[in-house]
Every structure is written in C-alpha cells, then in structure tokens.
Amino acid sequence: MTEDYYRRVDGVREPDPTLGKNYQPASVEPVPAPPPEQPPEQAKPAKRQRVVLADPRSRRTTATLRARLELEQQTSWGEVLIRDLVKHQLRTAIGLSVVVLLLLGSLPLAFYLWPGFAALRVVGVPLAWLLLGLLPFPLLLLAGLTYNRLAERHERDFVDMIES
C-alpha cells in the first residue's frame, strides 16, 4: 500500500499526487478605515512636574563602589565575601537538615524502644502510621519556609554590608 502511495524515483520520494487538489485561497476581508479624529477641546495644559531620577543626597561612598568593584572583578576580597555568604547558607541548610533528620529518624527508634507507644491508636489508626505518614509533610514545609527566610536574611545582610 505504501509503495503505491509513495513511488520512489532514484531513492527520493515523489510528492503526494493528491497534495494541493482541494486548495482554496483564503478570503481577505477589508479592514475598516479608522474614524476621523475629533479636534481636541480647549484643555488646560498639564501642570509641569520636575522628574528626579536620583536623590542627590544619597551619594554612594567610595567603600560601596570599591566593594561592588571587588565583586564584579572577582578579586580575592570579592571571593572572600562570596565564600562567606555561601558558608552562611550552607551552615543554615546543614543545621535545618540535621534537625529534620533527628526528628524524623527518632520516630522509628521511639516506636522500637517503647512498643506501648507504637501500639497507641487514634481514631482506629495506629499512631505510628499517622506520625510517619503525615508528620513529614508539615515538618518539611516548615523547614523549607524557615530556610527561605534565613537565606533571604543572609542575603540582605550581605547586601547591607556591601552597600554600607
């Protein structure tokens, strides 16, 4: 069937013989002309306003410019500043990870050491299932929100240090 439909000529397929048989050109609708403009009424000219792009009192100090230049040129001092920021972020991430791992890791240990605690039932469902099945989600959400807040605080402190 495909051999009849696609005849090969020197290894190249010929175009479909039915291609373009039902071609109908698209109809073009004329675009209406825009309405004529009305003469503007006698309006009061707008009150002139002074535009200030920067407050002249907020001059950047040379220390701010120097710190930004150090960061842009990736000098050794700029690398120390960035490394310090990354160190703070990493310390925060590891601290929160340890807290989450201790909380979630201590649950199976508690169930193993105190079988009476594991045998408790809440609304007919074992407490172990509820704690291991539902507790991780709010805990991880809380850890994520806490990390986000602390990371933004570290970044704000970094920017304040650079700009002051």
N, C-alpha and C. Protein backbone atom coordinates (compact mmCIF):
# COMPACT_ATOMS: atom_id res chain seq x y z
N MET A 1 0.82 -1.18 0.00
CA MET A 1 0.00 0.00 0.00
C MET A 1 0.87 1.26 0.00
N THR A 2 1.91 1.26 0.81
CA THR A 2 2.76 2.45 0.85
C THR A 2 3.59 2.57 -0.41
N GLU A 3 3.89 1.44 -1.04
CA GLU A 3 4.66 1.51 -2.29
C GLU A 3 3.84 2.18 -3.39
N ASP A 4 2.51 1.94 -3.42
CA ASP A 4 1.67 2.60 -4.42
C ASP A 4 1.57 4.10 -4.13
N TYR A 5 1.49 4.38 -2.88
CA TYR A 5 1.26 5.77 -2.50
C TYR A 5 2.52 6.61 -2.66
N TYR A 6 3.65 6.05 -2.23
CA TYR A 6 4.93 6.76 -2.36
C TYR A 6 5.78 6.04 -3.40
N ARG A 7 5.78 6.56 -4.58
CA ARG A 7 6.63 5.98 -5.60
C ARG A 7 8.01 6.57 -5.47
N ARG A 8 9.02 5.74 -5.58
CA ARG A 8 10.39 6.21 -5.41
C ARG A 8 11.03 6.42 -6.77
N VAL A 9 11.69 7.57 -6.86
CA VAL A 9 12.44 7.86 -8.08
C VAL A 9 13.87 8.17 -7.65
N ASP A 10 14.79 7.34 -8.04
CA ASP A 10 16.20 7.47 -7.67
C ASP A 10 16.38 7.65 -6.16
N GLY A 11 15.62 6.91 -5.36
CA GLY A 11 15.74 6.97 -3.92
C GLY A 11 15.08 8.17 -3.27
N VAL A 12 14.40 9.03 -4.05
CA VAL A 12 13.73 10.21 -3.50
C VAL A 12 12.24 10.03 -3.69
N ARG A 13 11.48 10.29 -2.68
CA ARG A 13 10.04 10.15 -2.78
C ARG A 13 9.46 11.28 -3.62
N GLU A 14 8.50 10.93 -4.43
CA GLU A 14 7.76 11.95 -5.17
C GLU A 14 6.71 12.52 -4.25
N PRO A 15 6.29 13.74 -4.47
CA PRO A 15 5.25 14.31 -3.62
C PRO A 15 3.94 13.57 -3.81
N ASP A 16 3.09 13.69 -2.83
CA ASP A 16 1.78 13.06 -2.85
C ASP A 16 1.00 13.60 -4.04
N PRO A 17 0.46 12.74 -4.93
CA PRO A 17 -0.26 13.24 -6.10
C PRO A 17 -1.57 13.93 -5.73
N THR A 18 -2.10 13.67 -4.53
CA THR A 18 -3.34 14.33 -4.15
C THR A 18 -3.09 15.63 -3.40
N LEU A 19 -1.82 15.94 -3.20
CA LEU A 19 -1.48 17.14 -2.44
C LEU A 19 -1.87 18.38 -3.21
N GLY A 20 -2.62 19.25 -2.59
CA GLY A 20 -3.00 20.53 -3.20
C GLY A 20 -4.20 20.46 -4.11
N LYS A 21 -4.90 19.34 -4.19
CA LYS A 21 -6.04 19.23 -5.09
C LYS A 21 -7.22 20.04 -4.58
N ASN A 22 -7.38 20.10 -3.27
CA ASN A 22 -8.52 20.81 -2.70
C ASN A 22 -8.11 22.18 -2.17
N TYR A 23 -7.13 22.78 -2.77
CA TYR A 23 -6.63 24.08 -2.30
C TYR A 23 -7.60 25.19 -2.64
N GLN A 24 -7.94 25.98 -1.65
CA GLN A 24 -8.78 27.14 -1.86
C GLN A 24 -8.08 28.33 -1.20
N PRO A 25 -7.89 29.40 -1.93
CA PRO A 25 -7.19 30.54 -1.32
C PRO A 25 -8.04 31.14 -0.20
N ALA A 26 -7.35 31.66 0.78
CA ALA A 26 -8.04 32.27 1.91
C ALA A 26 -8.70 33.56 1.48
N SER A 27 -9.85 33.83 2.07
CA SER A 27 -10.53 35.07 1.74
C SER A 27 -9.97 36.19 2.60
N VAL A 28 -9.83 37.35 2.02
CA VAL A 28 -9.28 38.50 2.72
C VAL A 28 -10.40 39.51 2.92
N GLU A 29 -10.60 39.88 4.17
CA GLU A 29 -11.62 40.86 4.47
C GLU A 29 -10.97 42.23 4.56
N PRO A 30 -11.62 43.24 4.01
CA PRO A 30 -11.01 44.57 4.09
C PRO A 30 -11.09 45.11 5.52
N VAL A 31 -10.07 45.84 5.90
CA VAL A 31 -10.01 46.44 7.23
C VAL A 31 -10.69 47.80 7.16
N PRO A 32 -11.63 48.07 8.08
CA PRO A 32 -12.31 49.37 8.03
C PRO A 32 -11.34 50.50 8.36
N ALA A 33 -11.56 51.64 7.76
CA ALA A 33 -10.71 52.80 7.99
C ALA A 33 -10.93 53.33 9.40
N PRO A 34 -9.90 53.89 10.01
CA PRO A 34 -10.08 54.43 11.36
C PRO A 34 -11.00 55.65 11.33
N PRO A 35 -11.75 55.86 12.41
CA PRO A 35 -12.65 57.02 12.43
C PRO A 35 -11.83 58.31 12.42
N PRO A 36 -12.38 59.35 11.84
CA PRO A 36 -11.64 60.62 11.80
C PRO A 36 -11.46 61.16 13.22
N GLU A 37 -10.31 61.80 13.43
CA GLU A 37 -10.00 62.32 14.75
C GLU A 37 -10.83 63.57 15.03
N GLN A 38 -11.28 63.67 16.26
CA GLN A 38 -12.04 64.84 16.68
C GLN A 38 -11.05 65.93 17.06
N PRO A 39 -11.36 67.18 16.78
CA PRO A 39 -10.45 68.24 17.20
C PRO A 39 -10.39 68.30 18.72
N PRO A 40 -9.21 68.45 19.28
CA PRO A 40 -9.11 68.47 20.74
C PRO A 40 -9.80 69.70 21.31
N GLU A 41 -10.47 69.49 22.42
CA GLU A 41 -11.15 70.59 23.08
C GLU A 41 -10.11 71.51 23.73
N GLN A 42 -10.53 72.66 24.04
CA GLN A 42 -9.63 73.61 24.69
C GLN A 42 -9.34 73.09 26.11
N ALA A 43 -8.24 72.40 26.24
CA ALA A 43 -7.88 71.83 27.54
C ALA A 43 -6.73 72.64 28.12
N LYS A 44 -6.71 72.68 29.44
CA LYS A 44 -5.64 73.36 30.13
C LYS A 44 -4.37 72.53 29.98
N PRO A 45 -3.25 73.15 29.74
CA PRO A 45 -2.02 72.36 29.68
C PRO A 45 -1.74 71.77 31.07
N ALA A 46 -1.19 70.60 31.08
CA ALA A 46 -0.91 69.92 32.34
C ALA A 46 0.15 70.69 33.11
N LYS A 47 0.03 70.64 34.41
CA LYS A 47 0.99 71.33 35.26
C LYS A 47 2.35 70.64 35.12
N ARG A 48 3.38 71.41 35.00
CA ARG A 48 4.71 70.85 34.82
C ARG A 48 5.19 70.23 36.12
N GLN A 49 5.84 69.10 35.97
CA GLN A 49 6.38 68.42 37.14
C GLN A 49 7.87 68.20 36.93
N ARG A 50 8.59 68.29 38.00
CA ARG A 50 10.02 68.05 37.94
C ARG A 50 10.25 66.56 38.21
N VAL A 51 10.99 65.91 37.34
CA VAL A 51 11.27 64.49 37.48
C VAL A 51 12.68 64.35 38.05
N VAL A 52 12.78 63.63 39.17
CA VAL A 52 14.07 63.41 39.81
C VAL A 52 14.38 61.92 39.70
N LEU A 53 15.47 61.59 39.05
CA LEU A 53 15.82 60.19 38.86
C LEU A 53 16.60 59.63 40.05
N ALA A 54 17.33 60.48 40.74
CA ALA A 54 18.10 60.01 41.88
C ALA A 54 18.16 61.13 42.90
N ASP A 55 18.13 60.75 44.13
CA ASP A 55 18.22 61.74 45.20
C ASP A 55 19.68 62.16 45.32
N PRO A 56 19.98 63.44 45.15
CA PRO A 56 21.38 63.86 45.20
C PRO A 56 21.99 63.69 46.59
N ARG A 57 21.16 63.56 47.62
CA ARG A 57 21.70 63.40 48.96
C ARG A 57 22.23 61.99 49.19
N SER A 58 21.76 61.03 48.40
CA SER A 58 22.20 59.65 48.61
C SER A 58 23.38 59.33 47.70
N ARG A 59 24.50 59.91 47.99
CA ARG A 59 25.72 59.65 47.22
C ARG A 59 26.31 58.32 47.67
N ARG A 60 26.76 57.56 46.72
CA ARG A 60 27.43 56.31 47.07
C ARG A 60 28.83 56.63 47.55
N THR A 61 29.19 55.97 48.61
CA THR A 61 30.52 56.21 49.14
C THR A 61 31.53 55.41 48.33
N THR A 62 32.78 55.77 48.50
CA THR A 62 33.82 55.06 47.75
C THR A 62 33.94 53.63 48.24
N ALA A 63 33.61 53.36 49.52
CA ALA A 63 33.68 51.99 50.03
C ALA A 63 32.65 51.11 49.33
N THR A 64 31.47 51.64 49.10
CA THR A 64 30.43 50.87 48.41
C THR A 64 30.86 50.57 47.00
N LEU A 65 31.38 51.58 46.32
CA LEU A 65 31.83 51.36 44.95
C LEU A 65 32.99 50.39 44.91
N ARG A 66 33.89 50.49 45.88
CA ARG A 66 35.04 49.59 45.92
C ARG A 66 34.59 48.15 46.13
N ALA A 67 33.63 47.95 47.05
CA ALA A 67 33.15 46.60 47.32
C ALA A 67 32.44 46.01 46.11
N ARG A 68 31.63 46.82 45.44
CA ARG A 68 30.95 46.33 44.24
C ARG A 68 31.96 46.02 43.14
N LEU A 69 32.98 46.86 43.01
CA LEU A 69 34.02 46.63 42.01
C LEU A 69 34.77 45.34 42.32
N GLU A 70 35.03 45.11 43.60
CA GLU A 70 35.71 43.87 44.01
C GLU A 70 34.87 42.65 43.62
N LEU A 71 33.56 42.76 43.81
CA LEU A 71 32.69 41.63 43.46
C LEU A 71 32.62 41.43 41.95
N GLU A 72 32.49 42.53 41.20
CA GLU A 72 32.36 42.41 39.75
C GLU A 72 33.63 41.88 39.11
N GLN A 73 34.78 42.31 39.62
CA GLN A 73 36.05 41.88 39.02
C GLN A 73 36.53 40.56 39.59
N GLN A 74 35.82 40.00 40.53
CA GLN A 74 36.13 38.70 41.13
C GLN A 74 37.55 38.68 41.69
N THR A 75 37.88 39.68 42.46
CA THR A 75 39.18 39.73 43.11
C THR A 75 39.17 38.81 44.32
N SER A 76 40.31 38.71 44.99
CA SER A 76 40.40 37.81 46.14
C SER A 76 39.49 38.27 47.27
N TRP A 77 39.35 39.57 47.47
CA TRP A 77 38.45 40.09 48.50
C TRP A 77 37.00 39.78 48.15
N GLY A 78 36.63 39.94 46.89
CA GLY A 78 35.28 39.61 46.45
C GLY A 78 34.99 38.13 46.63
N GLU A 79 35.99 37.29 46.35
CA GLU A 79 35.80 35.85 46.54
C GLU A 79 35.61 35.51 48.01
N VAL A 80 36.31 36.23 48.90
CA VAL A 80 36.14 36.01 50.33
C VAL A 80 34.72 36.38 50.76
N LEU A 81 34.21 37.49 50.23
CA LEU A 81 32.84 37.90 50.57
C LEU A 81 31.82 36.88 50.09
N ILE A 82 31.97 36.41 48.87
CA ILE A 82 31.04 35.42 48.33
C ILE A 82 31.17 34.10 49.09
N ARG A 83 32.39 33.69 49.39
CA ARG A 83 32.60 32.44 50.12
C ARG A 83 31.95 32.51 51.50
N ASP A 84 32.01 33.68 52.13
CA ASP A 84 31.38 33.86 53.43
C ASP A 84 29.86 33.73 53.34
N LEU A 85 29.27 34.32 52.30
CA LEU A 85 27.83 34.19 52.09
C LEU A 85 27.44 32.73 51.86
N VAL A 86 28.19 32.04 51.03
CA VAL A 86 27.89 30.63 50.75
C VAL A 86 28.06 29.79 52.00
N LYS A 87 29.05 30.12 52.83
CA LYS A 87 29.28 29.39 54.07
C LYS A 87 28.08 29.56 55.02
N HIS A 88 27.56 30.77 55.11
CA HIS A 88 26.38 31.00 55.94
C HIS A 88 25.17 30.21 55.42
N GLN A 89 24.99 30.21 54.10
CA GLN A 89 23.86 29.48 53.52
C GLN A 89 24.02 27.98 53.77
N LEU A 90 25.23 27.46 53.61
CA LEU A 90 25.46 26.03 53.81
C LEU A 90 25.27 25.65 55.27
N ARG A 91 25.74 26.48 56.18
CA ARG A 91 25.58 26.20 57.60
C ARG A 91 24.10 26.15 57.97
N THR A 92 23.32 27.06 57.42
CA THR A 92 21.88 27.06 57.67
C THR A 92 21.22 25.80 57.12
N ALA A 93 21.58 25.43 55.90
CA ALA A 93 20.99 24.24 55.28
C ALA A 93 21.34 22.97 56.05
N ILE A 94 22.60 22.84 56.46
CA ILE A 94 23.01 21.64 57.20
C ILE A 94 22.32 21.60 58.56
N GLY A 95 22.22 22.74 59.23
CA GLY A 95 21.56 22.78 60.55
C GLY A 95 20.11 22.36 60.46
N LEU A 96 19.39 22.89 59.49
CA LEU A 96 17.98 22.50 59.34
C LEU A 96 17.84 21.04 58.92
N SER A 97 18.74 20.57 58.09
CA SER A 97 18.70 19.15 57.69
C SER A 97 18.91 18.23 58.88
N VAL A 98 19.84 18.59 59.75
CA VAL A 98 20.10 17.76 60.94
C VAL A 98 18.87 17.73 61.84
N VAL A 99 18.22 18.88 62.01
CA VAL A 99 17.01 18.93 62.85
C VAL A 99 15.92 18.04 62.26
N VAL A 100 15.70 18.14 60.95
CA VAL A 100 14.66 17.32 60.31
C VAL A 100 15.01 15.84 60.41
N LEU A 101 16.26 15.49 60.16
CA LEU A 101 16.67 14.08 60.24
C LEU A 101 16.55 13.54 61.66
N LEU A 102 16.90 14.36 62.64
CA LEU A 102 16.77 13.89 64.03
C LEU A 102 15.30 13.68 64.40
N LEU A 103 14.44 14.61 64.00
CA LEU A 103 13.02 14.46 64.33
C LEU A 103 12.40 13.26 63.64
N LEU A 104 12.66 13.13 62.34
CA LEU A 104 12.05 12.01 61.62
C LEU A 104 12.75 10.69 61.93
N GLY A 105 14.04 10.72 62.17
CA GLY A 105 14.78 9.49 62.47
C GLY A 105 14.51 8.97 63.86
N SER A 106 14.12 9.85 64.77
CA SER A 106 13.87 9.41 66.13
C SER A 106 12.52 8.69 66.27
N LEU A 107 11.60 8.90 65.35
CA LEU A 107 10.29 8.25 65.45
C LEU A 107 10.38 6.73 65.37
N PRO A 108 11.05 6.15 64.37
CA PRO A 108 11.14 4.68 64.36
C PRO A 108 11.87 4.13 65.59
N LEU A 109 12.88 4.87 66.05
CA LEU A 109 13.60 4.44 67.25
C LEU A 109 12.68 4.46 68.48
N ALA A 110 11.86 5.49 68.58
CA ALA A 110 10.91 5.57 69.70
C ALA A 110 9.89 4.43 69.64
N PHE A 111 9.43 4.11 68.45
CA PHE A 111 8.47 3.01 68.31
C PHE A 111 9.11 1.66 68.66
N TYR A 112 10.41 1.52 68.36
CA TYR A 112 11.10 0.27 68.66
C TYR A 112 11.36 0.15 70.16
N LEU A 113 11.79 1.25 70.78
CA LEU A 113 12.13 1.18 72.20
C LEU A 113 10.91 1.14 73.11
N TRP A 114 9.81 1.77 72.73
CA TRP A 114 8.58 1.78 73.54
C TRP A 114 7.43 1.20 72.72
N PRO A 115 7.27 -0.11 72.76
CA PRO A 115 6.21 -0.74 71.98
C PRO A 115 4.81 -0.27 72.36
N GLY A 116 4.62 0.15 73.60
CA GLY A 116 3.31 0.66 74.01
C GLY A 116 2.98 1.95 73.26
N PHE A 117 3.99 2.76 72.98
CA PHE A 117 3.79 4.00 72.21
C PHE A 117 3.41 3.67 70.77
N ALA A 118 4.00 2.63 70.23
CA ALA A 118 3.68 2.22 68.86
C ALA A 118 2.30 1.59 68.77
N ALA A 119 1.82 1.02 69.87
CA ALA A 119 0.52 0.34 69.86
C ALA A 119 -0.65 1.31 70.02
N LEU A 120 -0.38 2.57 70.35
CA LEU A 120 -1.48 3.53 70.51
C LEU A 120 -2.24 3.70 69.21
N ARG A 121 -3.54 3.91 69.36
CA ARG A 121 -4.38 4.09 68.17
C ARG A 121 -5.16 5.39 68.32
N VAL A 122 -5.27 6.12 67.20
CA VAL A 122 -6.04 7.36 67.16
C VAL A 122 -7.09 7.18 66.09
N VAL A 123 -8.35 7.21 66.46
CA VAL A 123 -9.48 7.02 65.56
C VAL A 123 -9.32 5.69 64.80
N GLY A 124 -8.83 4.68 65.48
CA GLY A 124 -8.69 3.37 64.87
C GLY A 124 -7.47 3.20 64.00
N VAL A 125 -6.65 4.22 63.85
CA VAL A 125 -5.45 4.14 63.02
C VAL A 125 -4.25 4.15 63.96
N PRO A 126 -3.27 3.26 63.72
CA PRO A 126 -2.09 3.25 64.60
C PRO A 126 -1.36 4.61 64.56
N LEU A 127 -0.92 5.04 65.74
CA LEU A 127 -0.24 6.32 65.87
C LEU A 127 1.04 6.35 65.03
N ALA A 128 1.70 5.21 64.92
CA ALA A 128 2.93 5.15 64.11
C ALA A 128 2.64 5.51 62.66
N TRP A 129 1.56 5.04 62.12
CA TRP A 129 1.21 5.35 60.74
C TRP A 129 0.93 6.84 60.57
N LEU A 130 0.21 7.40 61.53
CA LEU A 130 -0.10 8.83 61.44
C LEU A 130 1.17 9.68 61.52
N LEU A 131 2.04 9.34 62.47
CA LEU A 131 3.25 10.15 62.64
C LEU A 131 4.21 9.98 61.47
N LEU A 132 4.36 8.76 61.00
CA LEU A 132 5.30 8.54 59.88
C LEU A 132 4.70 8.90 58.53
N GLY A 133 3.38 8.91 58.43
CA GLY A 133 2.74 9.21 57.15
C GLY A 133 2.34 10.66 56.98
N LEU A 134 2.02 11.33 58.08
CA LEU A 134 1.54 12.71 57.97
C LEU A 134 2.51 13.75 58.53
N LEU A 135 3.29 13.41 59.53
CA LEU A 135 4.19 14.38 60.15
C LEU A 135 5.27 14.93 59.22
N PRO A 136 5.84 14.12 58.32
CA PRO A 136 6.93 14.67 57.49
C PRO A 136 6.51 15.85 56.61
N PHE A 137 5.28 15.89 56.14
CA PHE A 137 4.88 16.95 55.21
C PHE A 137 4.87 18.33 55.85
N PRO A 138 4.16 18.53 56.97
CA PRO A 138 4.24 19.87 57.58
C PRO A 138 5.63 20.19 58.09
N LEU A 139 6.35 19.16 58.57
CA LEU A 139 7.71 19.39 59.06
C LEU A 139 8.63 19.87 57.94
N LEU A 140 8.55 19.24 56.77
CA LEU A 140 9.38 19.66 55.64
C LEU A 140 8.97 21.02 55.11
N LEU A 141 7.67 21.30 55.12
CA LEU A 141 7.21 22.63 54.70
C LEU A 141 7.74 23.70 55.65
N LEU A 142 7.66 23.44 56.94
CA LEU A 142 8.16 24.39 57.93
C LEU A 142 9.68 24.58 57.78
N ALA A 143 10.39 23.49 57.55
CA ALA A 143 11.85 23.59 57.36
C ALA A 143 12.18 24.39 56.10
N GLY A 144 11.42 24.19 55.05
CA GLY A 144 11.66 24.93 53.81
C GLY A 144 11.39 26.42 53.98
N LEU A 145 10.28 26.75 54.65
CA LEU A 145 9.97 28.16 54.88
C LEU A 145 11.01 28.81 55.78
N THR A 146 11.45 28.09 56.79
CA THR A 146 12.48 28.62 57.69
C THR A 146 13.78 28.85 56.95
N TYR A 147 14.18 27.88 56.11
CA TYR A 147 15.41 28.05 55.35
C TYR A 147 15.30 29.24 54.40
N ASN A 148 14.17 29.39 53.75
CA ASN A 148 13.98 30.51 52.82
C ASN A 148 14.11 31.84 53.55
N ARG A 149 13.48 31.93 54.71
CA ARG A 149 13.54 33.18 55.49
C ARG A 149 14.97 33.47 55.95
N LEU A 150 15.68 32.45 56.42
CA LEU A 150 17.06 32.65 56.88
C LEU A 150 18.00 32.96 55.71
N ALA A 151 17.79 32.32 54.57
CA ALA A 151 18.65 32.59 53.41
C ALA A 151 18.45 34.01 52.92
N GLU A 152 17.21 34.48 52.91
CA GLU A 152 16.96 35.86 52.49
C GLU A 152 17.57 36.84 53.50
N ARG A 153 17.54 36.49 54.77
CA ARG A 153 18.16 37.36 55.77
C ARG A 153 19.67 37.44 55.55
N HIS A 154 20.30 36.29 55.26
CA HIS A 154 21.75 36.30 54.98
C HIS A 154 22.06 37.15 53.76
N GLU A 155 21.23 37.04 52.73
CA GLU A 155 21.47 37.84 51.52
C GLU A 155 21.26 39.33 51.79
N ARG A 156 20.25 39.68 52.59
CA ARG A 156 20.05 41.09 52.94
C ARG A 156 21.23 41.62 53.73
N ASP A 157 21.74 40.82 54.68
CA ASP A 157 22.91 41.24 55.45
C ASP A 157 24.11 41.43 54.54
N PHE A 158 24.26 40.55 53.55
CA PHE A 158 25.37 40.66 52.61
C PHE A 158 25.26 41.94 51.80
N VAL A 159 24.07 42.24 51.29
CA VAL A 159 23.87 43.47 50.50
C VAL A 159 24.07 44.69 51.38
N ASP A 160 23.57 44.66 52.62
CA ASP A 160 23.79 45.79 53.52
C ASP A 160 25.27 46.00 53.80
N MET A 161 26.00 44.90 53.95
CA MET A 161 27.43 45.02 54.20
C MET A 161 28.14 45.64 52.99
N ILE A 162 27.71 45.25 51.78
CA ILE A 162 28.34 45.77 50.57
C ILE A 162 28.00 47.24 50.40
N GLU A 163 26.76 47.60 50.68
CA GLU A 163 26.32 48.98 50.43
C GLU A 163 26.68 49.95 51.54
N SER A 164 27.14 49.44 52.68
CA SER A 164 27.49 50.38 53.76
C SER A 164 28.98 50.54 53.90
